[in-house]
Structures are given as C-alpha cells and as structure tokens.
C-alpha cells in the first residue's frame, strides 16, 4: 500500500467516526466519541499531521446539539473532510 492510499484510509476512518458521532444510536455515537480520545486516534492524527485537539474539540461540541442538528452537522463535517483532506491526496 502506498503512502497516499494509507493516508486516504486514515482520513476515511476519521470521516466515518465523525458521521458516527451524529448517529441516533447512543452506543454508536458514544463509541465514536471515545475513539477521538483514544491513543489510536492520537497516533493516526500524528501520522497524518492533524491537530488532534482541534478535531476532538469539533466532534466534542456535537454532543451539545439535538439529534437532528447533530446529524446534519456531523454530515457537514464529513463533507469538509472530503473536500479539504481526502481530495488533496487523490
């Protein structure tokens, strides 16, 4: 696997975790939020030169919104990940 493919997979993991943060299933959203405070996420962020604290802050703020708003915001964040990060390496 080349570096771009590995980086793209890493970013797609982040994108799915962000989307999962907006899930109506509390178990899924809780696990997704937990991922962002895990050592695995910290390693992924460091490997890809991503500001882990900024991402944690953004996804952490989602929990303050009602479900429909949270879901829409999570989807908007996922679209931004595509537009800003994933498309750069494709």
Protein backbone atom coordinates (compact mmCIF):
# COMPACT_ATOMS: atom_id res chain seq x y z
CA UNK A 1 0.00 0.00 0.00
CA UNK A 2 1.45 3.37 -0.93
CA UNK A 3 1.52 6.35 1.42
CA UNK A 4 -1.38 8.12 -0.31
CA UNK A 5 -3.60 5.05 -0.03
CA UNK A 6 -2.74 4.66 3.67
CA UNK A 7 -3.36 8.35 4.32
CA UNK A 8 -6.65 8.22 2.46
CA UNK A 9 -7.77 5.23 4.54
CA UNK A 10 -6.83 7.09 7.73
CA UNK A 11 -8.89 10.09 6.66
CA UNK A 12 -11.84 7.89 5.73
CA UNK A 13 -11.68 6.37 9.23
CA UNK A 14 -11.89 9.89 10.70
CA UNK A 15 -14.75 10.75 8.34
CA UNK A 16 -16.77 7.68 9.37
CA UNK A 17 -16.09 8.29 13.06
CA UNK A 18 -17.35 11.87 12.67
CA UNK A 19 -20.50 10.60 10.97
CA UNK A 20 -20.95 8.04 13.73
CA UNK A 21 -20.82 10.85 16.29
CA UNK A 22 -24.08 12.07 14.77
CA UNK A 23 -25.77 8.67 14.98
CA UNK A 24 -29.12 8.35 16.73
CA UNK A 25 -27.83 5.07 18.18
CA UNK A 26 -26.32 6.14 21.50
CA UNK A 27 -23.93 3.17 21.57
CA UNK A 28 -22.51 4.06 18.14
CA UNK A 29 -22.17 7.76 18.92
CA UNK A 30 -20.56 7.03 22.31
CA UNK A 31 -18.03 4.65 20.76
CA UNK A 32 -17.23 7.20 18.05
CA UNK A 33 -16.67 9.94 20.62
CA UNK A 34 -14.48 7.55 22.63
CA UNK A 35 -12.39 6.89 19.52
CA UNK A 36 -11.41 10.55 19.36
CA UNK A 37 -9.88 10.38 22.84
CA UNK A 38 -8.11 7.07 22.20
CA UNK A 39 -4.41 6.51 21.67
CA UNK A 40 -5.27 5.05 18.24
CA UNK A 41 -6.71 8.38 17.14
CA UNK A 42 -3.74 10.24 18.61
CA UNK A 43 -1.35 8.05 16.58
CA UNK A 44 -3.43 8.47 13.42
CA UNK A 45 -3.51 12.24 13.87
CA UNK A 46 0.23 12.43 14.47
CA UNK A 47 0.97 10.19 11.49
CA UNK A 48 -1.09 12.48 9.24
CA UNK A 49 -0.06 15.79 10.85
CA UNK A 50 -3.61 16.51 12.01
CA UNK A 51 -4.30 18.70 15.02
CA UNK A 52 -5.92 16.07 17.26
CA UNK A 53 -7.09 18.65 19.80
CA UNK A 54 -8.89 20.66 17.13
CA UNK A 55 -10.69 17.58 15.82
CA UNK A 56 -11.57 16.46 19.36
CA UNK A 57 -12.99 19.90 20.12
CA UNK A 58 -15.09 19.92 16.96
CA UNK A 59 -16.59 16.47 17.46
CA UNK A 60 -16.98 17.04 21.20
CA UNK A 61 -19.11 20.09 20.55
CA UNK A 62 -21.56 17.97 18.52
CA UNK A 63 -22.96 16.42 21.68
CA UNK A 64 -24.39 19.79 22.74
CA UNK A 65 -26.84 19.77 19.81
CA UNK A 66 -30.18 17.99 19.44
CA UNK A 67 -30.11 14.80 17.37
CA UNK A 68 -31.25 16.25 14.03
CA UNK A 69 -28.85 19.17 14.24
CA UNK A 70 -26.04 16.89 15.41
CA UNK A 71 -26.63 14.54 12.50
CA UNK A 72 -26.62 17.38 9.97
CA UNK A 73 -23.50 18.96 11.47
CA UNK A 74 -21.70 15.61 11.50
CA UNK A 75 -22.56 15.09 7.82
CA UNK A 76 -21.38 18.63 7.03
CA UNK A 77 -18.10 17.92 8.85
CA UNK A 78 -17.69 14.67 6.89
CA UNK A 79 -18.18 16.58 3.61
CA UNK A 80 -15.49 19.06 4.69
CA UNK A 81 -13.11 16.19 5.43
CA UNK A 82 -13.66 15.01 1.86
CA UNK A 83 -13.27 18.47 0.38
CA UNK A 84 -10.25 19.56 2.38
CA UNK A 85 -8.26 16.45 3.27
CA UNK A 86 -9.23 13.46 1.16
CA UNK A 87 -9.34 15.26 -2.20
CA UNK A 88 -5.84 16.70 -1.60
CA UNK A 89 -4.24 13.28 -1.71
CA UNK A 90 -6.29 11.71 -4.50
